[in-house]
């Protein structure tokens, strides 16, 4: 895959995934705005995205600014970073693959979302589906990197009967927010 420049507009998140209502997409997008704002990033922030052996330049924009109410709503850092990472991951999947978010998984499923191909046969339930596992990092450290998280997620999926346990594959997407970057692999 040739490197390319891509623009993600957070207000268009709902268009990236059938599994998001407008209200849910707005909540996830707000998580991104607050997280990026906490690191003093402005709309149009550049994020390196590693996928299929290439590094792509992705800019992420939004129209509103983090308000006091948004900061209070998204105070739980773990939830906020997880939600923000899911928003970015769903947009990256829609932009760089033939898949889009179809359904959020249930707790205990070991993944975050089920993805569906745009080129599907609606008469088959799981035709052209894959899974998405997402992880967010507020600030990367020596012991907590994109590569480490991907390796950890792969091991966890393999240990629990992950991708090899059925015909569906899994995308793993990790997003880092302080020095924005992301990577996605298909296992």
N, C-alpha and C. Protein backbone atom coordinates (compact mmCIF):
# COMPACT_ATOMS: atom_id res chain seq x y z
N UNK A 1 0.84 -1.17 0.00
CA UNK A 1 0.00 0.00 0.00
C UNK A 1 0.90 1.24 0.00
N UNK A 2 0.62 2.14 -0.90
CA UNK A 2 1.37 3.39 -0.99
C UNK A 2 0.94 4.34 0.13
N UNK A 3 1.89 5.06 0.75
CA UNK A 3 1.50 6.05 1.77
C UNK A 3 0.60 7.10 1.15
N UNK A 4 -0.35 7.55 1.95
CA UNK A 4 -1.26 8.60 1.46
C UNK A 4 -1.63 9.53 2.59
N UNK A 5 -2.08 10.71 2.22
CA UNK A 5 -2.57 11.70 3.17
C UNK A 5 -4.08 11.56 3.27
N UNK A 6 -4.58 11.57 4.49
CA UNK A 6 -6.00 11.39 4.74
C UNK A 6 -6.45 12.38 5.79
N UNK A 7 -7.70 12.82 5.66
CA UNK A 7 -8.27 13.74 6.63
C UNK A 7 -9.48 13.09 7.30
N UNK A 8 -9.49 13.09 8.63
CA UNK A 8 -10.63 12.60 9.41
C UNK A 8 -11.31 13.79 10.07
N UNK A 9 -12.58 13.93 9.86
CA UNK A 9 -13.39 15.00 10.47
C UNK A 9 -14.26 14.34 11.53
N UNK A 10 -14.01 14.63 12.81
CA UNK A 10 -14.70 13.94 13.90
C UNK A 10 -16.22 14.06 13.82
N UNK A 11 -16.72 15.17 13.31
CA UNK A 11 -18.17 15.34 13.20
C UNK A 11 -18.80 14.38 12.18
N UNK A 12 -17.97 13.70 11.40
CA UNK A 12 -18.48 12.75 10.40
C UNK A 12 -18.32 11.30 10.87
N UNK A 13 -18.03 11.11 12.15
CA UNK A 13 -17.79 9.78 12.69
C UNK A 13 -18.96 8.83 12.45
N UNK A 14 -20.19 9.28 12.64
CA UNK A 14 -21.36 8.41 12.47
C UNK A 14 -21.43 7.82 11.07
N UNK A 15 -20.88 8.50 10.08
CA UNK A 15 -20.88 7.99 8.70
C UNK A 15 -19.91 6.82 8.52
N UNK A 16 -18.98 6.65 9.47
CA UNK A 16 -17.95 5.61 9.37
C UNK A 16 -18.41 4.26 9.88
N UNK A 17 -19.51 4.25 10.63
CA UNK A 17 -19.91 2.99 11.26
C UNK A 17 -21.42 2.91 11.42
N UNK A 18 -21.99 1.81 10.94
CA UNK A 18 -23.43 1.58 11.10
C UNK A 18 -23.82 1.40 12.56
N UNK A 19 -22.87 1.04 13.40
CA UNK A 19 -23.17 0.74 14.80
C UNK A 19 -23.24 1.98 15.67
N UNK A 20 -23.05 3.16 15.09
CA UNK A 20 -23.06 4.40 15.87
C UNK A 20 -24.28 5.24 15.54
N UNK A 21 -25.04 5.58 16.57
CA UNK A 21 -26.08 6.59 16.39
C UNK A 21 -25.39 7.94 16.38
N UNK A 22 -26.10 8.97 16.00
CA UNK A 22 -25.52 10.31 16.01
C UNK A 22 -25.07 10.69 17.42
N UNK A 23 -25.89 10.36 18.42
CA UNK A 23 -25.56 10.71 19.81
C UNK A 23 -24.32 9.97 20.29
N UNK A 24 -24.21 8.68 19.96
CA UNK A 24 -23.04 7.90 20.37
C UNK A 24 -21.79 8.42 19.67
N UNK A 25 -21.90 8.71 18.40
CA UNK A 25 -20.76 9.25 17.65
C UNK A 25 -20.32 10.58 18.24
N UNK A 26 -21.27 11.41 18.62
CA UNK A 26 -20.92 12.71 19.21
C UNK A 26 -20.18 12.51 20.54
N UNK A 27 -20.62 11.56 21.34
CA UNK A 27 -19.96 11.28 22.60
C UNK A 27 -18.52 10.80 22.39
N UNK A 28 -18.34 9.87 21.44
CA UNK A 28 -16.99 9.38 21.15
C UNK A 28 -16.11 10.51 20.59
N UNK A 29 -16.68 11.33 19.72
CA UNK A 29 -15.93 12.45 19.15
C UNK A 29 -15.53 13.45 20.23
N UNK A 30 -16.45 13.71 21.18
CA UNK A 30 -16.11 14.60 22.30
C UNK A 30 -14.93 14.05 23.09
N UNK A 31 -14.88 12.74 23.26
CA UNK A 31 -13.75 12.12 23.95
C UNK A 31 -12.45 12.46 23.25
N UNK A 32 -12.47 12.43 21.92
CA UNK A 32 -11.29 12.79 21.14
C UNK A 32 -10.92 14.25 21.34
N UNK A 33 -11.91 15.12 21.25
CA UNK A 33 -11.65 16.56 21.41
C UNK A 33 -11.02 16.84 22.76
N UNK A 34 -11.57 16.27 23.82
CA UNK A 34 -11.02 16.49 25.16
C UNK A 34 -9.61 15.92 25.27
N UNK A 35 -9.41 14.72 24.76
CA UNK A 35 -8.09 14.08 24.86
C UNK A 35 -7.04 14.85 24.07
N UNK A 36 -7.36 15.21 22.83
CA UNK A 36 -6.41 16.00 22.05
C UNK A 36 -6.17 17.36 22.71
N UNK A 37 -7.22 17.97 23.23
CA UNK A 37 -7.09 19.29 23.87
C UNK A 37 -6.21 19.22 25.11
N UNK A 38 -6.32 18.15 25.86
CA UNK A 38 -5.49 18.01 27.06
C UNK A 38 -4.01 17.94 26.72
N UNK A 39 -3.71 17.59 25.49
CA UNK A 39 -2.32 17.57 25.04
C UNK A 39 -1.99 18.80 24.18
N UNK A 40 -2.87 19.80 24.25
CA UNK A 40 -2.69 21.07 23.53
C UNK A 40 -2.65 20.91 22.01
N UNK A 41 -3.35 19.90 21.49
CA UNK A 41 -3.47 19.74 20.05
C UNK A 41 -4.70 20.49 19.55
N UNK A 42 -4.55 21.13 18.41
CA UNK A 42 -5.63 21.89 17.80
C UNK A 42 -6.23 21.11 16.64
N UNK A 43 -7.42 21.51 16.19
CA UNK A 43 -8.00 20.85 15.01
C UNK A 43 -7.01 20.84 13.85
N UNK A 44 -6.98 19.72 13.16
CA UNK A 44 -6.03 19.55 12.06
C UNK A 44 -4.74 18.87 12.51
N UNK A 45 -4.72 18.38 13.75
CA UNK A 45 -3.53 17.73 14.28
C UNK A 45 -3.13 16.57 13.37
N UNK A 46 -1.85 16.43 13.17
CA UNK A 46 -1.32 15.38 12.30
C UNK A 46 -1.02 14.13 13.12
N UNK A 47 -1.36 12.98 12.54
CA UNK A 47 -1.13 11.71 13.20
C UNK A 47 -0.53 10.75 12.19
N UNK A 48 0.61 10.14 12.54
CA UNK A 48 1.19 9.10 11.70
C UNK A 48 0.38 7.82 11.91
N UNK A 49 0.09 7.11 10.82
CA UNK A 49 -0.69 5.89 10.90
C UNK A 49 0.02 4.78 10.13
N UNK A 50 0.45 3.76 10.86
CA UNK A 50 1.12 2.62 10.25
C UNK A 50 0.12 1.53 9.90
N UNK A 51 0.11 1.14 8.62
CA UNK A 51 -0.82 0.11 8.17
C UNK A 51 -0.29 -0.52 6.90
N UNK A 52 -0.26 -1.84 6.85
CA UNK A 52 0.18 -2.62 5.69
C UNK A 52 1.55 -2.18 5.18
N UNK A 53 2.48 -1.99 6.09
CA UNK A 53 3.85 -1.68 5.72
C UNK A 53 4.11 -0.25 5.29
N UNK A 54 3.13 0.62 5.39
CA UNK A 54 3.31 2.03 5.00
C UNK A 54 2.92 2.93 6.17
N UNK A 55 3.51 4.10 6.20
CA UNK A 55 3.12 5.10 7.20
C UNK A 55 2.38 6.21 6.46
N UNK A 56 1.14 6.40 6.87
CA UNK A 56 0.26 7.39 6.24
C UNK A 56 0.18 8.61 7.14
N UNK A 57 -0.02 9.77 6.51
CA UNK A 57 -0.22 11.00 7.26
C UNK A 57 -1.72 11.25 7.35
N UNK A 58 -2.21 11.27 8.58
CA UNK A 58 -3.64 11.48 8.82
C UNK A 58 -3.81 12.76 9.63
N UNK A 59 -4.66 13.65 9.15
CA UNK A 59 -4.99 14.83 9.96
C UNK A 59 -6.37 14.62 10.56
N UNK A 60 -6.51 15.05 11.80
CA UNK A 60 -7.78 14.89 12.52
C UNK A 60 -8.28 16.28 12.88
N UNK A 61 -9.51 16.58 12.46
CA UNK A 61 -10.10 17.90 12.71
C UNK A 61 -11.42 17.78 13.44
N UNK A 62 -11.81 18.87 14.06
CA UNK A 62 -13.10 18.98 14.74
C UNK A 62 -13.49 20.44 14.77
N UNK A 63 -14.78 20.69 14.92
CA UNK A 63 -15.30 22.06 14.86
C UNK A 63 -15.45 22.74 16.21
N UNK A 64 -15.67 21.96 17.26
CA UNK A 64 -15.89 22.59 18.57
C UNK A 64 -14.63 22.49 19.42
N UNK A 65 -14.60 23.26 20.48
CA UNK A 65 -13.47 23.23 21.41
C UNK A 65 -13.93 22.61 22.71
N UNK A 66 -12.99 22.06 23.45
CA UNK A 66 -13.33 21.43 24.73
C UNK A 66 -13.88 22.49 25.69
N UNK A 67 -15.12 22.29 26.11
CA UNK A 67 -15.75 23.21 27.07
C UNK A 67 -15.62 22.64 28.47
N UNK A 68 -15.93 23.45 29.46
CA UNK A 68 -15.91 22.98 30.85
C UNK A 68 -16.86 21.81 31.04
N UNK A 69 -18.02 21.88 30.41
CA UNK A 69 -18.99 20.78 30.52
C UNK A 69 -18.43 19.49 29.91
N UNK A 70 -17.74 19.60 28.77
CA UNK A 70 -17.13 18.43 28.15
C UNK A 70 -16.04 17.85 29.04
N UNK A 71 -15.24 18.72 29.65
CA UNK A 71 -14.19 18.25 30.54
C UNK A 71 -14.77 17.51 31.74
N UNK A 72 -15.87 18.00 32.27
CA UNK A 72 -16.52 17.33 33.40
C UNK A 72 -17.14 16.00 32.96
N UNK A 73 -17.71 15.97 31.78
CA UNK A 73 -18.36 14.76 31.25
C UNK A 73 -17.34 13.65 30.98
N UNK A 74 -16.15 14.00 30.59
CA UNK A 74 -15.13 13.04 30.19
C UNK A 74 -13.97 13.01 31.19
N UNK A 75 -14.27 13.15 32.46
CA UNK A 75 -13.24 13.21 33.51
C UNK A 75 -12.51 11.88 33.70
N UNK A 76 -13.21 10.76 33.53
CA UNK A 76 -12.59 9.44 33.70
C UNK A 76 -11.64 9.20 32.53
N UNK A 77 -10.35 9.32 32.81
CA UNK A 77 -9.34 9.24 31.75
C UNK A 77 -9.35 7.90 31.02
N UNK A 78 -9.50 6.80 31.73
CA UNK A 78 -9.49 5.49 31.06
C UNK A 78 -10.64 5.35 30.08
N UNK A 79 -11.84 5.72 30.51
CA UNK A 79 -13.00 5.63 29.61
C UNK A 79 -12.84 6.58 28.43
N UNK A 80 -12.37 7.80 28.73
CA UNK A 80 -12.22 8.81 27.68
C UNK A 80 -11.22 8.36 26.62
N UNK A 81 -10.09 7.84 27.04
CA UNK A 81 -9.07 7.41 26.08
C UNK A 81 -9.56 6.21 25.29
N UNK A 82 -10.25 5.29 25.95
CA UNK A 82 -10.82 4.14 25.25
C UNK A 82 -11.83 4.60 24.21
N UNK A 83 -12.72 5.51 24.59
CA UNK A 83 -13.72 6.03 23.64
C UNK A 83 -13.06 6.79 22.49
N UNK A 84 -12.07 7.60 22.81
CA UNK A 84 -11.37 8.36 21.77
C UNK A 84 -10.66 7.43 20.80
N UNK A 85 -10.02 6.39 21.33
CA UNK A 85 -9.32 5.42 20.48
C UNK A 85 -10.32 4.69 19.58
N UNK A 86 -11.50 4.34 20.13
CA UNK A 86 -12.52 3.68 19.31
C UNK A 86 -12.98 4.58 18.18
N UNK A 87 -13.16 5.86 18.46
CA UNK A 87 -13.58 6.80 17.42
C UNK A 87 -12.56 6.85 16.29
N UNK A 88 -11.30 7.02 16.65
CA UNK A 88 -10.24 7.09 15.63
C UNK A 88 -10.14 5.77 14.87
N UNK A 89 -10.16 4.66 15.60
CA UNK A 89 -10.03 3.34 14.96
C UNK A 89 -11.16 3.09 13.97
N UNK A 90 -12.39 3.39 14.34
CA UNK A 90 -13.52 3.17 13.43
C UNK A 90 -13.39 4.02 12.17
N UNK A 91 -12.90 5.24 12.32
CA UNK A 91 -12.72 6.09 11.15
C UNK A 91 -11.57 5.58 10.26
N UNK A 92 -10.49 5.11 10.90
CA UNK A 92 -9.37 4.57 10.12
C UNK A 92 -9.77 3.31 9.37
N UNK A 93 -10.52 2.43 10.02
CA UNK A 93 -11.00 1.21 9.35
C UNK A 93 -11.83 1.58 8.12
N UNK A 94 -12.76 2.52 8.28
CA UNK A 94 -13.61 2.91 7.15
C UNK A 94 -12.81 3.56 6.03
N UNK A 95 -11.77 4.28 6.39
CA UNK A 95 -10.97 4.99 5.39
C UNK A 95 -9.96 4.08 4.67
N UNK A 96 -9.38 3.12 5.38
CA UNK A 96 -8.27 2.35 4.82
C UNK A 96 -8.60 0.90 4.47
N UNK A 97 -9.81 0.46 4.78
CA UNK A 97 -10.20 -0.92 4.44
C UNK A 97 -11.56 -0.88 3.75
N UNK A 98 -12.03 -2.04 3.39
CA UNK A 98 -13.36 -2.16 2.80
C UNK A 98 -14.41 -2.44 3.88
N UNK A 99 -14.03 -2.26 5.13
CA UNK A 99 -14.92 -2.57 6.25
C UNK A 99 -15.41 -1.31 6.96
N UNK A 100 -16.47 -1.48 7.73
CA UNK A 100 -16.99 -0.42 8.59
C UNK A 100 -17.58 -1.07 9.84
N UNK A 101 -17.68 -0.30 10.90
CA UNK A 101 -18.24 -0.82 12.14
C UNK A 101 -19.68 -1.22 11.94
N UNK A 102 -20.00 -2.46 12.27
CA UNK A 102 -21.34 -2.98 12.09
C UNK A 102 -22.07 -3.13 13.42
N UNK A 103 -21.32 -3.57 14.44
CA UNK A 103 -21.97 -3.83 15.73
C UNK A 103 -20.92 -3.78 16.83
N UNK A 104 -21.25 -3.12 17.94
CA UNK A 104 -20.37 -3.16 19.10
C UNK A 104 -20.48 -4.55 19.71
N UNK A 105 -19.37 -5.07 20.19
CA UNK A 105 -19.42 -6.41 20.79
C UNK A 105 -19.87 -6.31 22.25
N UNK A 106 -20.28 -7.43 22.77
CA UNK A 106 -20.69 -7.50 24.17
C UNK A 106 -19.45 -7.65 25.05
N UNK A 107 -19.55 -7.19 26.29
CA UNK A 107 -18.47 -7.38 27.25
C UNK A 107 -18.17 -8.86 27.36
N UNK A 108 -16.90 -9.21 27.33
CA UNK A 108 -16.49 -10.61 27.42
C UNK A 108 -16.21 -11.24 26.08
N UNK A 109 -16.53 -10.55 24.98
CA UNK A 109 -16.27 -11.10 23.64
C UNK A 109 -14.80 -10.98 23.23
N UNK A 110 -14.00 -10.26 24.02
CA UNK A 110 -12.57 -10.09 23.79
C UNK A 110 -12.23 -9.18 22.62
N UNK A 111 -13.23 -8.55 22.06
CA UNK A 111 -13.01 -7.58 20.97
C UNK A 111 -13.94 -6.40 21.24
N UNK A 112 -13.76 -5.32 20.47
CA UNK A 112 -14.59 -4.13 20.66
C UNK A 112 -15.74 -4.02 19.66
N UNK A 113 -15.48 -4.36 18.40
CA UNK A 113 -16.49 -4.20 17.36
C UNK A 113 -16.43 -5.35 16.36
N UNK A 114 -17.57 -5.59 15.74
CA UNK A 114 -17.65 -6.46 14.58
C UNK A 114 -17.69 -5.53 13.37
N UNK A 115 -16.93 -5.88 12.36
CA UNK A 115 -16.86 -5.08 11.14
C UNK A 115 -17.50 -5.87 10.01
N UNK A 116 -18.04 -5.15 9.06
CA UNK A 116 -18.70 -5.78 7.92
C UNK A 116 -18.18 -5.14 6.65
N UNK A 117 -18.02 -5.95 5.64
CA UNK A 117 -17.55 -5.47 4.36
C UNK A 117 -18.64 -4.67 3.67
N UNK A 118 -18.23 -3.67 2.93
CA UNK A 118 -19.18 -2.90 2.12
C UNK A 118 -19.69 -3.73 0.95
N UNK A 119 -18.92 -4.76 0.58
CA UNK A 119 -19.27 -5.65 -0.52
C UNK A 119 -19.83 -6.96 0.06
N UNK A 120 -20.96 -6.89 0.70
CA UNK A 120 -21.49 -8.06 1.40
C UNK A 120 -22.73 -8.62 0.72
N UNK A 121 -23.02 -9.85 1.06
CA UNK A 121 -24.22 -10.53 0.62
C UNK A 121 -25.16 -10.56 1.83
N UNK A 122 -26.21 -9.78 1.81
CA UNK A 122 -27.11 -9.66 2.96
C UNK A 122 -27.88 -10.93 3.29
N UNK A 123 -27.80 -11.93 2.44
CA UNK A 123 -28.50 -13.19 2.75
C UNK A 123 -27.68 -14.06 3.70
N UNK A 124 -26.39 -13.72 3.91
CA UNK A 124 -25.53 -14.47 4.82
C UNK A 124 -25.23 -13.62 6.05
N UNK A 125 -25.41 -14.16 7.23
CA UNK A 125 -25.25 -13.39 8.47
C UNK A 125 -23.82 -12.89 8.66
N UNK A 126 -22.82 -13.76 8.55
CA UNK A 126 -21.44 -13.36 8.83
C UNK A 126 -20.58 -13.32 7.58
N UNK A 127 -21.18 -13.07 6.45
CA UNK A 127 -20.45 -12.95 5.21
C UNK A 127 -19.56 -11.72 5.24
N UNK A 128 -18.29 -11.91 4.97
CA UNK A 128 -17.33 -10.80 4.89
C UNK A 128 -17.30 -9.98 6.17
N UNK A 129 -17.18 -10.64 7.32
CA UNK A 129 -17.05 -9.92 8.58
C UNK A 129 -15.68 -10.20 9.19
N UNK A 130 -15.19 -9.23 9.91
CA UNK A 130 -13.97 -9.36 10.71
C UNK A 130 -14.24 -8.65 12.04
N UNK A 131 -13.26 -8.72 12.92
CA UNK A 131 -13.41 -8.12 14.25
C UNK A 131 -12.44 -6.96 14.38
N UNK A 132 -12.71 -6.11 15.37
CA UNK A 132 -11.83 -4.98 15.66
C UNK A 132 -11.56 -4.93 17.15
N UNK A 133 -10.29 -4.95 17.51
CA UNK A 133 -9.85 -4.78 18.89
C UNK A 133 -9.11 -3.45 18.94
N UNK A 134 -9.48 -2.59 19.89
CA UNK A 134 -8.94 -1.23 19.96
C UNK A 134 -8.25 -1.02 21.30
N UNK A 135 -7.18 -0.25 21.27
CA UNK A 135 -6.49 0.13 22.50
C UNK A 135 -6.02 1.57 22.38
N UNK A 136 -6.13 2.32 23.46
CA UNK A 136 -5.69 3.71 23.46
C UNK A 136 -4.59 3.94 24.47
N UNK A 137 -3.66 4.80 24.11
CA UNK A 137 -2.55 5.19 24.99
C UNK A 137 -2.58 6.70 25.11
N UNK A 138 -2.66 7.20 26.33
CA UNK A 138 -2.63 8.65 26.52
C UNK A 138 -1.25 9.20 26.17
N UNK A 139 -0.22 8.62 26.80
CA UNK A 139 1.15 9.06 26.56
C UNK A 139 2.04 7.83 26.52
N UNK A 140 2.65 7.60 25.37
CA UNK A 140 3.52 6.45 25.19
C UNK A 140 4.73 6.55 26.12
N UNK A 141 5.19 5.40 26.62
CA UNK A 141 6.40 5.33 27.44
C UNK A 141 7.26 4.20 26.91
N UNK A 142 8.43 4.02 27.48
CA UNK A 142 9.32 2.95 27.01
C UNK A 142 8.67 1.57 27.13
N UNK A 143 7.87 1.40 28.17
CA UNK A 143 7.26 0.09 28.40
C UNK A 143 5.82 0.00 27.88
N UNK A 144 5.32 1.07 27.31
CA UNK A 144 3.94 1.08 26.80
C UNK A 144 3.92 1.80 25.46
N UNK A 145 4.19 1.04 24.40
CA UNK A 145 4.28 1.59 23.05
C UNK A 145 3.20 0.98 22.17
N UNK A 146 3.04 1.53 20.98
CA UNK A 146 2.10 0.95 20.02
C UNK A 146 2.46 -0.51 19.74
N UNK A 147 3.74 -0.74 19.49
CA UNK A 147 4.20 -2.09 19.16
C UNK A 147 3.94 -3.05 20.33
N UNK A 148 4.21 -2.62 21.54
CA UNK A 148 3.98 -3.46 22.71
C UNK A 148 2.50 -3.81 22.84
N UNK A 149 1.64 -2.81 22.70
CA UNK A 149 0.20 -3.06 22.82
C UNK A 149 -0.31 -4.02 21.75
N UNK A 150 0.18 -3.85 20.53
CA UNK A 150 -0.24 -4.76 19.45
C UNK A 150 0.21 -6.18 19.77
N UNK A 151 1.45 -6.32 20.20
CA UNK A 151 1.97 -7.64 20.55
C UNK A 151 1.16 -8.25 21.70
N UNK A 152 0.84 -7.44 22.70
CA UNK A 152 0.05 -7.89 23.84
C UNK A 152 -1.35 -8.33 23.40
N UNK A 153 -1.98 -7.54 22.54
CA UNK A 153 -3.33 -7.88 22.05
C UNK A 153 -3.30 -9.17 21.23
N UNK A 154 -2.28 -9.33 20.36
CA UNK A 154 -2.16 -10.56 19.57
C UNK A 154 -2.04 -11.77 20.48
N UNK A 155 -1.18 -11.66 21.48
CA UNK A 155 -0.97 -12.78 22.41
C UNK A 155 -2.26 -13.11 23.16
N UNK A 156 -2.97 -12.09 23.59
CA UNK A 156 -4.22 -12.30 24.33
C UNK A 156 -5.27 -12.96 23.43
N UNK A 157 -5.37 -12.51 22.20
CA UNK A 157 -6.34 -13.12 21.28
C UNK A 157 -5.98 -14.57 20.99
N UNK A 158 -4.69 -14.84 20.77
CA UNK A 158 -4.25 -16.22 20.50
C UNK A 158 -4.49 -17.12 21.70
N UNK A 159 -4.21 -16.60 22.89
CA UNK A 159 -4.36 -17.36 24.13
C UNK A 159 -5.81 -17.73 24.40
N UNK A 160 -6.70 -16.85 24.06
CA UNK A 160 -8.12 -17.06 24.34
C UNK A 160 -8.89 -17.62 23.15
N UNK A 161 -8.17 -18.16 22.21
CA UNK A 161 -8.88 -18.69 21.04
C UNK A 161 -9.34 -17.59 20.13
N UNK A 162 -8.47 -16.62 19.88
CA UNK A 162 -8.79 -15.44 19.09
C UNK A 162 -9.02 -15.73 17.63
N UNK A 163 -8.29 -15.05 16.77
CA UNK A 163 -8.58 -15.08 15.34
C UNK A 163 -8.58 -16.48 14.75
N UNK A 164 -7.72 -17.37 15.22
CA UNK A 164 -7.65 -18.70 14.64
C UNK A 164 -8.79 -19.61 15.04
N UNK A 165 -9.63 -19.18 15.97
CA UNK A 165 -10.69 -20.06 16.47
C UNK A 165 -11.89 -20.14 15.53
N UNK A 166 -11.98 -19.23 14.59
CA UNK A 166 -13.04 -19.32 13.58
C UNK A 166 -12.54 -18.67 12.30
N UNK A 167 -13.40 -18.53 11.32
CA UNK A 167 -12.96 -18.02 10.02
C UNK A 167 -12.76 -16.50 10.01
N UNK A 168 -13.18 -15.80 11.05
CA UNK A 168 -13.06 -14.35 11.05
C UNK A 168 -11.68 -13.91 11.53
N UNK A 169 -11.13 -12.89 10.93
CA UNK A 169 -9.87 -12.29 11.34
C UNK A 169 -10.15 -11.09 12.23
N UNK A 170 -9.09 -10.56 12.82
CA UNK A 170 -9.22 -9.42 13.72
C UNK A 170 -8.24 -8.33 13.36
N UNK A 171 -8.74 -7.11 13.21
CA UNK A 171 -7.88 -5.94 13.13
C UNK A 171 -7.59 -5.50 14.55
N UNK A 172 -6.33 -5.18 14.82
CA UNK A 172 -5.94 -4.59 16.09
C UNK A 172 -5.48 -3.18 15.76
N UNK A 173 -6.08 -2.19 16.42
CA UNK A 173 -5.73 -0.79 16.19
C UNK A 173 -5.38 -0.15 17.53
N UNK A 174 -4.21 0.46 17.60
CA UNK A 174 -3.76 1.16 18.81
C UNK A 174 -3.55 2.63 18.44
N UNK A 175 -4.05 3.52 19.30
CA UNK A 175 -3.96 4.96 19.05
C UNK A 175 -3.27 5.62 20.24
N UNK A 176 -2.29 6.48 19.98
CA UNK A 176 -1.57 7.24 21.00
C UNK A 176 -1.90 8.72 20.79
N UNK A 177 -2.17 9.45 21.88
CA UNK A 177 -2.69 10.81 21.75
C UNK A 177 -1.72 11.94 22.07
N UNK A 178 -0.70 11.74 22.90
CA UNK A 178 0.17 12.87 23.25
C UNK A 178 1.02 13.30 22.07
N UNK A 179 1.56 12.34 21.36
CA UNK A 179 2.31 12.56 20.12
C UNK A 179 1.56 11.73 19.08
N UNK A 180 0.44 12.26 18.57
CA UNK A 180 -0.54 11.43 17.86
C UNK A 180 0.04 10.50 16.81
N UNK A 181 -0.26 9.22 17.04
CA UNK A 181 0.12 8.19 16.07
C UNK A 181 -0.76 6.98 16.32
N UNK A 182 -0.82 6.13 15.31
CA UNK A 182 -1.65 4.95 15.38
C UNK A 182 -1.05 3.88 14.49
N UNK A 183 -1.40 2.63 14.82
CA UNK A 183 -0.98 1.51 13.98
C UNK A 183 -2.12 0.50 13.98
N UNK A 184 -2.26 -0.19 12.85
CA UNK A 184 -3.30 -1.21 12.74
C UNK A 184 -2.73 -2.41 11.98
N UNK A 185 -3.01 -3.59 12.52
CA UNK A 185 -2.58 -4.84 11.88
C UNK A 185 -3.78 -5.77 11.77
N UNK A 186 -3.71 -6.68 10.82
CA UNK A 186 -4.73 -7.70 10.67
C UNK A 186 -4.11 -9.02 11.10
N UNK A 187 -4.75 -9.68 12.07
CA UNK A 187 -4.22 -10.96 12.56
C UNK A 187 -5.06 -12.11 12.06
